[in-house]
Amino acid sequence: AKNPASAHGFHDATTDATKIDEWWLAQPSFN
């Protein structure tokens, strides 16, 4: 889907690998 999975959508965008790991380890199939 195109719906943001984070609390603030594009405002949450980051290049921080630790945060990216947190998101995708919680749900590996996120777009």
ModelCIF file with pLDDT and N, C-alpha, C, O atoms, coordinates in Angstrom:
data_MODEL
#
_entry.id   MODEL 
#
_entity.id                         1 
_entity.type                       polymer 
_entity.pdbx_number_of_molecules   1 
#
_entity_poly.entity_id                      1 
_entity_poly.type                           'polypeptide(L)' 
_entity_poly.nstd_linkage                   no 
_entity_poly.nstd_monomer                   no 
_entity_poly.pdbx_seq_one_letter_code       AKNPASAHGFHDATTDATKIDEWWLAQPSFN 
_entity_poly.pdbx_seq_one_letter_code_can   AKNPASAHGFHDATTDATKIDEWWLAQPSFN 
_entity_poly.pdbx_strand_id                 A 
#
loop_
_entity_poly_seq.entity_id 
_entity_poly_seq.num 
_entity_poly_seq.mon_id 
_entity_poly_seq.hetero 
1 1  ALA n 
1 2  LYS n 
1 3  ASN n 
1 4  PRO n 
1 5  ALA n 
1 6  SER n 
1 7  ALA n 
1 8  HIS n 
1 9  GLY n 
1 10 PHE n 
1 11 HIS n 
1 12 ASP n 
1 13 ALA n 
1 14 THR n 
1 15 THR n 
1 16 ASP n 
1 17 ALA n 
1 18 THR n 
1 19 LYS n 
1 20 ILE n 
1 21 ASP n 
1 22 GLU n 
1 23 TRP n 
1 24 TRP n 
1 25 LEU n 
1 26 ALA n 
1 27 GLN n 
1 28 PRO n 
1 29 SER n 
1 30 PHE n 
1 31 ASN n 
#
_struct_asym.id          A 
_struct_asym.entity_id   1 
#
loop_
_ma_qa_metric.id 
_ma_qa_metric.mode 
_ma_qa_metric.name 
_ma_qa_metric.software_group_id 
_ma_qa_metric.type 
1 global pLDDT . pLDDT 
2 local  pLDDT . pLDDT 
#
_ma_qa_metric_global.metric_id      1 
_ma_qa_metric_global.metric_value   96.42 
_ma_qa_metric_global.model_id       1 
_ma_qa_metric_global.ordinal_id     1 
#
loop_
_ma_qa_metric_local.label_asym_id 
_ma_qa_metric_local.label_comp_id 
_ma_qa_metric_local.label_seq_id 
_ma_qa_metric_local.metric_id 
_ma_qa_metric_local.metric_value 
_ma_qa_metric_local.model_id 
_ma_qa_metric_local.ordinal_id 
A ALA 1  2 93.00 1 1  
A LYS 2  2 90.00 1 2  
A ASN 3  2 95.00 1 3  
A PRO 4  2 97.00 1 4  
A ALA 5  2 97.00 1 5  
A SER 6  2 96.00 1 6  
A ALA 7  2 96.00 1 7  
A HIS 8  2 97.00 1 8  
A GLY 9  2 95.00 1 9  
A PHE 10 2 94.00 1 10 
A HIS 11 2 96.00 1 11 
A ASP 12 2 97.00 1 12 
A ALA 13 2 97.00 1 13 
A THR 14 2 97.00 1 14 
A THR 15 2 97.00 1 15 
A ASP 16 2 98.00 1 16 
A ALA 17 2 98.00 1 17 
A THR 18 2 97.00 1 18 
A LYS 19 2 98.00 1 19 
A ILE 20 2 98.00 1 20 
A ASP 21 2 97.00 1 21 
A GLU 22 2 97.00 1 22 
A TRP 23 2 98.00 1 23 
A TRP 24 2 97.00 1 24 
A LEU 25 2 97.00 1 25 
A ALA 26 2 96.00 1 26 
A GLN 27 2 97.00 1 27 
A PRO 28 2 96.00 1 28 
A SER 29 2 96.00 1 29 
A PHE 30 2 98.00 1 30 
A ASN 31 2 97.00 1 31 
#
loop_
_atom_site.group_PDB 
_atom_site.id 
_atom_site.type_symbol 
_atom_site.label_atom_id 
_atom_site.label_alt_id 
_atom_site.label_comp_id 
_atom_site.label_asym_id 
_atom_site.label_entity_id 
_atom_site.label_seq_id 
_atom_site.pdbx_PDB_ins_code 
_atom_site.Cartn_x 
_atom_site.Cartn_y 
_atom_site.Cartn_z 
_atom_site.occupancy 
_atom_site.B_iso_or_equiv 
_atom_site.pdbx_formal_charge 
_atom_site.auth_seq_id 
_atom_site.auth_comp_id 
_atom_site.auth_asym_id 
_atom_site.auth_atom_id 
_atom_site.pdbx_PDB_model_num 
ATOM 1   N N  . ALA A 1 1  ? 0.841  -1.196 0.000  1.00 93.00 ? 1  ALA A N  1 
ATOM 2   C CA . ALA A 1 1  ? 0.000  0.000  0.000  1.00 93.00 ? 1  ALA A CA 1 
ATOM 3   C C  . ALA A 1 1  ? 0.878  1.249  0.000  1.00 93.00 ? 1  ALA A C  1 
ATOM 4   O O  . ALA A 1 1  ? 2.103  1.165  0.098  1.00 93.00 ? 1  ALA A O  1 
ATOM 5   N N  . LYS A 1 2  ? 0.235  2.399  -0.111 1.00 90.00 ? 2  LYS A N  1 
ATOM 6   C CA . LYS A 1 2  ? 0.950  3.680  -0.097 1.00 90.00 ? 2  LYS A CA 1 
ATOM 7   C C  . LYS A 1 2  ? 0.765  4.426  1.219  1.00 90.00 ? 2  LYS A C  1 
ATOM 8   O O  . LYS A 1 2  ? 1.280  5.533  1.378  1.00 90.00 ? 2  LYS A O  1 
ATOM 9   N N  . ASN A 1 3  ? 0.040  3.839  2.159  1.00 95.00 ? 3  ASN A N  1 
ATOM 10  C CA . ASN A 1 3  ? -0.246 4.494  3.424  1.00 95.00 ? 3  ASN A CA 1 
ATOM 11  C C  . ASN A 1 3  ? 0.978  4.469  4.335  1.00 95.00 ? 3  ASN A C  1 
ATOM 12  O O  . ASN A 1 3  ? 1.573  3.409  4.529  1.00 95.00 ? 3  ASN A O  1 
ATOM 13  N N  . PRO A 1 4  ? 1.366  5.609  4.894  1.00 97.00 ? 4  PRO A N  1 
ATOM 14  C CA . PRO A 1 4  ? 2.503  5.616  5.820  1.00 97.00 ? 4  PRO A CA 1 
ATOM 15  C C  . PRO A 1 4  ? 2.263  4.692  7.014  1.00 97.00 ? 4  PRO A C  1 
ATOM 16  O O  . PRO A 1 4  ? 1.151  4.604  7.535  1.00 97.00 ? 4  PRO A O  1 
ATOM 17  N N  . ALA A 1 5  ? 3.315  4.014  7.431  1.00 97.00 ? 5  ALA A N  1 
ATOM 18  C CA . ALA A 1 5  ? 3.233  3.118  8.583  1.00 97.00 ? 5  ALA A CA 1 
ATOM 19  C C  . ALA A 1 5  ? 3.858  3.752  9.820  1.00 97.00 ? 5  ALA A C  1 
ATOM 20  O O  . ALA A 1 5  ? 3.839  3.158  10.898 1.00 97.00 ? 5  ALA A O  1 
ATOM 21  N N  . SER A 1 6  ? 4.404  4.934  9.676  1.00 96.00 ? 6  SER A N  1 
ATOM 22  C CA . SER A 1 6  ? 4.988  5.629  10.818 1.00 96.00 ? 6  SER A CA 1 
ATOM 23  C C  . SER A 1 6  ? 4.008  6.706  11.294 1.00 96.00 ? 6  SER A C  1 
ATOM 24  O O  . SER A 1 6  ? 3.092  7.091  10.567 1.00 96.00 ? 6  SER A O  1 
ATOM 25  N N  . ALA A 1 7  ? 4.209  7.172  12.490 1.00 96.00 ? 7  ALA A N  1 
ATOM 26  C CA . ALA A 1 7  ? 3.267  8.109  13.107 1.00 96.00 ? 7  ALA A CA 1 
ATOM 27  C C  . ALA A 1 7  ? 3.102  9.416  12.341 1.00 96.00 ? 7  ALA A C  1 
ATOM 28  O O  . ALA A 1 7  ? 2.007  9.977  12.304 1.00 96.00 ? 7  ALA A O  1 
ATOM 29  N N  . HIS A 1 8  ? 4.179  9.907  11.728 1.00 97.00 ? 8  HIS A N  1 
ATOM 30  C CA . HIS A 1 8  ? 4.130  11.218 11.082 1.00 97.00 ? 8  HIS A CA 1 
ATOM 31  C C  . HIS A 1 8  ? 4.445  11.166 9.588  1.00 97.00 ? 8  HIS A C  1 
ATOM 32  O O  . HIS A 1 8  ? 4.810  12.181 8.996  1.00 97.00 ? 8  HIS A O  1 
ATOM 33  N N  . GLY A 1 9  ? 4.307  10.001 8.984  1.00 95.00 ? 9  GLY A N  1 
ATOM 34  C CA . GLY A 1 9  ? 4.500  9.854  7.544  1.00 95.00 ? 9  GLY A CA 1 
ATOM 35  C C  . GLY A 1 9  ? 5.841  10.383 7.080  1.00 95.00 ? 9  GLY A C  1 
ATOM 36  O O  . GLY A 1 9  ? 6.875  10.074 7.672  1.00 95.00 ? 9  GLY A O  1 
ATOM 37  N N  . PHE A 1 10 ? 5.826  11.186 6.016  1.00 94.00 ? 10 PHE A N  1 
ATOM 38  C CA . PHE A 1 10 ? 7.080  11.657 5.424  1.00 94.00 ? 10 PHE A CA 1 
ATOM 39  C C  . PHE A 1 10 ? 7.887  12.524 6.380  1.00 94.00 ? 10 PHE A C  1 
ATOM 40  O O  . PHE A 1 10 ? 9.090  12.697 6.184  1.00 94.00 ? 10 PHE A O  1 
ATOM 41  N N  . HIS A 1 11 ? 7.254  13.069 7.403  1.00 96.00 ? 11 HIS A N  1 
ATOM 42  C CA . HIS A 1 11 ? 7.992  13.846 8.398  1.00 96.00 ? 11 HIS A CA 1 
ATOM 43  C C  . HIS A 1 11 ? 8.940  12.956 9.213  1.00 96.00 ? 11 HIS A C  1 
ATOM 44  O O  . HIS A 1 11 ? 9.870  13.456 9.845  1.00 96.00 ? 11 HIS A O  1 
ATOM 45  N N  . ASP A 1 12 ? 8.703  11.643 9.199  1.00 97.00 ? 12 ASP A N  1 
ATOM 46  C CA . ASP A 1 12 ? 9.561  10.700 9.914  1.00 97.00 ? 12 ASP A CA 1 
ATOM 47  C C  . ASP A 1 12 ? 10.735 10.213 9.064  1.00 97.00 ? 12 ASP A C  1 
ATOM 48  O O  . ASP A 1 12 ? 11.594 9.486  9.564  1.00 97.00 ? 12 ASP A O  1 
ATOM 49  N N  . ALA A 1 13 ? 10.785 10.598 7.804  1.00 97.00 ? 13 ALA A N  1 
ATOM 50  C CA . ALA A 1 13 ? 11.838 10.111 6.904  1.00 97.00 ? 13 ALA A CA 1 
ATOM 51  C C  . ALA A 1 13 ? 13.220 10.377 7.503  1.00 97.00 ? 13 ALA A C  1 
ATOM 52  O O  . ALA A 1 13 ? 13.479 11.436 8.073  1.00 97.00 ? 13 ALA A O  1 
ATOM 53  N N  . THR A 1 14 ? 14.099 9.381  7.355  1.00 97.00 ? 14 THR A N  1 
ATOM 54  C CA . THR A 1 14 ? 15.418 9.476  7.969  1.00 97.00 ? 14 THR A CA 1 
ATOM 55  C C  . THR A 1 14 ? 16.452 8.676  7.174  1.00 97.00 ? 14 THR A C  1 
ATOM 56  O O  . THR A 1 14 ? 16.107 7.794  6.387  1.00 97.00 ? 14 THR A O  1 
ATOM 57  N N  . THR A 1 15 ? 17.712 9.000  7.394  1.00 97.00 ? 15 THR A N  1 
ATOM 58  C CA . THR A 1 15 ? 18.820 8.199  6.869  1.00 97.00 ? 15 THR A CA 1 
ATOM 59  C C  . THR A 1 15 ? 19.497 7.439  8.008  1.00 97.00 ? 15 THR A C  1 
ATOM 60  O O  . THR A 1 15 ? 20.529 6.801  7.801  1.00 97.00 ? 15 THR A O  1 
ATOM 61  N N  . ASP A 1 16 ? 18.923 7.503  9.205  1.00 98.00 ? 16 ASP A N  1 
ATOM 62  C CA . ASP A 1 16 ? 19.487 6.841  10.388 1.00 98.00 ? 16 ASP A CA 1 
ATOM 63  C C  . ASP A 1 16 ? 19.261 5.332  10.316 1.00 98.00 ? 16 ASP A C  1 
ATOM 64  O O  . ASP A 1 16 ? 18.126 4.862  10.407 1.00 98.00 ? 16 ASP A O  1 
ATOM 65  N N  . ALA A 1 17 ? 20.346 4.578  10.152 1.00 98.00 ? 17 ALA A N  1 
ATOM 66  C CA . ALA A 1 17 ? 20.257 3.125  9.998  1.00 98.00 ? 17 ALA A CA 1 
ATOM 67  C C  . ALA A 1 17 ? 19.614 2.452  11.210 1.00 98.00 ? 17 ALA A C  1 
ATOM 68  O O  . ALA A 1 17 ? 18.913 1.452  11.059 1.00 98.00 ? 17 ALA A O  1 
ATOM 69  N N  . THR A 1 18 ? 19.844 2.981  12.393 1.00 97.00 ? 18 THR A N  1 
ATOM 70  C CA . THR A 1 18 ? 19.255 2.392  13.597 1.00 97.00 ? 18 THR A CA 1 
ATOM 71  C C  . THR A 1 18 ? 17.734 2.484  13.552 1.00 97.00 ? 18 THR A C  1 
ATOM 72  O O  . THR A 1 18 ? 17.050 1.514  13.879 1.00 97.00 ? 18 THR A O  1 
ATOM 73  N N  . LYS A 1 19 ? 17.201 3.623  13.157 1.00 98.00 ? 19 LYS A N  1 
ATOM 74  C CA . LYS A 1 19 ? 15.746 3.798  13.050 1.00 98.00 ? 19 LYS A CA 1 
ATOM 75  C C  . LYS A 1 19 ? 15.181 2.919  11.936 1.00 98.00 ? 19 LYS A C  1 
ATOM 76  O O  . LYS A 1 19 ? 14.125 2.306  12.097 1.00 98.00 ? 19 LYS A O  1 
ATOM 77  N N  . ILE A 1 20 ? 15.887 2.859  10.809 1.00 98.00 ? 20 ILE A N  1 
ATOM 78  C CA . ILE A 1 20 ? 15.450 2.014  9.692  1.00 98.00 ? 20 ILE A CA 1 
ATOM 79  C C  . ILE A 1 20 ? 15.419 0.554  10.121 1.00 98.00 ? 20 ILE A C  1 
ATOM 80  O O  . ILE A 1 20 ? 14.476 -0.170 9.800  1.00 98.00 ? 20 ILE A O  1 
ATOM 81  N N  . ASP A 1 21 ? 16.448 0.118  10.846 1.00 97.00 ? 21 ASP A N  1 
ATOM 82  C CA . ASP A 1 21 ? 16.461 -1.252 11.380 1.00 97.00 ? 21 ASP A CA 1 
ATOM 83  C C  . ASP A 1 21 ? 15.257 -1.482 12.285 1.00 97.00 ? 21 ASP A C  1 
ATOM 84  O O  . ASP A 1 21 ? 14.611 -2.527 12.195 1.00 97.00 ? 21 ASP A O  1 
ATOM 85  N N  . GLU A 1 22 ? 14.950 -0.542 13.137 1.00 97.00 ? 22 GLU A N  1 
ATOM 86  C CA . GLU A 1 22 ? 13.815 -0.667 14.057 1.00 97.00 ? 22 GLU A CA 1 
ATOM 87  C C  . GLU A 1 22 ? 12.515 -0.885 13.280 1.00 97.00 ? 22 GLU A C  1 
ATOM 88  O O  . GLU A 1 22 ? 11.737 -1.785 13.595 1.00 97.00 ? 22 GLU A O  1 
ATOM 89  N N  . TRP A 1 23 ? 12.290 -0.053 12.264 1.00 98.00 ? 23 TRP A N  1 
ATOM 90  C CA . TRP A 1 23 ? 11.058 -0.172 11.476 1.00 98.00 ? 23 TRP A CA 1 
ATOM 91  C C  . TRP A 1 23 ? 10.973 -1.509 10.747 1.00 98.00 ? 23 TRP A C  1 
ATOM 92  O O  . TRP A 1 23 ? 9.987  -2.234 10.881 1.00 98.00 ? 23 TRP A O  1 
ATOM 93  N N  . TRP A 1 24 ? 12.017 -1.836 9.970  1.00 97.00 ? 24 TRP A N  1 
ATOM 94  C CA . TRP A 1 24 ? 11.932 -3.012 9.105  1.00 97.00 ? 24 TRP A CA 1 
ATOM 95  C C  . TRP A 1 24 ? 12.150 -4.325 9.837  1.00 97.00 ? 24 TRP A C  1 
ATOM 96  O O  . TRP A 1 24 ? 11.730 -5.367 9.334  1.00 97.00 ? 24 TRP A O  1 
ATOM 97  N N  . LEU A 1 25 ? 12.784 -4.326 10.994 1.00 97.00 ? 25 LEU A N  1 
ATOM 98  C CA . LEU A 1 25 ? 12.850 -5.561 11.780 1.00 97.00 ? 25 LEU A CA 1 
ATOM 99  C C  . LEU A 1 25 ? 11.490 -5.849 12.424 1.00 97.00 ? 25 LEU A C  1 
ATOM 100 O O  . LEU A 1 25 ? 11.130 -7.008 12.633 1.00 97.00 ? 25 LEU A O  1 
ATOM 101 N N  . ALA A 1 26 ? 10.743 -4.791 12.734 1.00 96.00 ? 26 ALA A N  1 
ATOM 102 C CA . ALA A 1 26 ? 9.400  -4.965 13.285 1.00 96.00 ? 26 ALA A CA 1 
ATOM 103 C C  . ALA A 1 26 ? 8.424  -5.477 12.224 1.00 96.00 ? 26 ALA A C  1 
ATOM 104 O O  . ALA A 1 26 ? 7.531  -6.267 12.529 1.00 96.00 ? 26 ALA A O  1 
ATOM 105 N N  . GLN A 1 27 ? 8.597  -5.028 10.984 1.00 97.00 ? 27 GLN A N  1 
ATOM 106 C CA . GLN A 1 27 ? 7.716  -5.440 9.877  1.00 97.00 ? 27 GLN A CA 1 
ATOM 107 C C  . GLN A 1 27 ? 8.538  -5.490 8.590  1.00 97.00 ? 27 GLN A C  1 
ATOM 108 O O  . GLN A 1 27 ? 8.651  -4.484 7.890  1.00 97.00 ? 27 GLN A O  1 
ATOM 109 N N  . PRO A 1 28 ? 9.115  -6.658 8.272  1.00 96.00 ? 28 PRO A N  1 
ATOM 110 C CA . PRO A 1 28 ? 10.013 -6.785 7.120  1.00 96.00 ? 28 PRO A CA 1 
ATOM 111 C C  . PRO A 1 28 ? 9.389  -6.482 5.765  1.00 96.00 ? 28 PRO A C  1 
ATOM 112 O O  . PRO A 1 28 ? 10.106 -6.196 4.806  1.00 96.00 ? 28 PRO A O  1 
ATOM 113 N N  . SER A 1 29 ? 8.053  -6.541 5.669  1.00 96.00 ? 29 SER A N  1 
ATOM 114 C CA . SER A 1 29 ? 7.407  -6.321 4.373  1.00 96.00 ? 29 SER A CA 1 
ATOM 115 C C  . SER A 1 29 ? 6.908  -4.895 4.164  1.00 96.00 ? 29 SER A C  1 
ATOM 116 O O  . SER A 1 29 ? 6.200  -4.629 3.193  1.00 96.00 ? 29 SER A O  1 
ATOM 117 N N  . PHE A 1 30 ? 7.270  -3.967 5.064  1.00 98.00 ? 30 PHE A N  1 
ATOM 118 C CA . PHE A 1 30 ? 6.915  -2.567 4.818  1.00 98.00 ? 30 PHE A CA 1 
ATOM 119 C C  . PHE A 1 30 ? 7.413  -2.144 3.439  1.00 98.00 ? 30 PHE A C  1 
ATOM 120 O O  . PHE A 1 30 ? 8.503  -2.534 3.020  1.00 98.00 ? 30 PHE A O  1 
ATOM 121 N N  . ASN A 1 31 ? 6.613  -1.349 2.738  1.00 97.00 ? 31 ASN A N  1 
ATOM 122 C CA . ASN A 1 31 ? 7.086  -0.694 1.521  1.00 97.00 ? 31 ASN A CA 1 
ATOM 123 C C  . ASN A 1 31 ? 8.049  0.419  1.926  1.00 97.00 ? 31 ASN A C  1 
ATOM 124 O O  . ASN A 1 31 ? 8.582  1.118  1.064  1.00 97.00 ? 31 ASN A O  1 
#
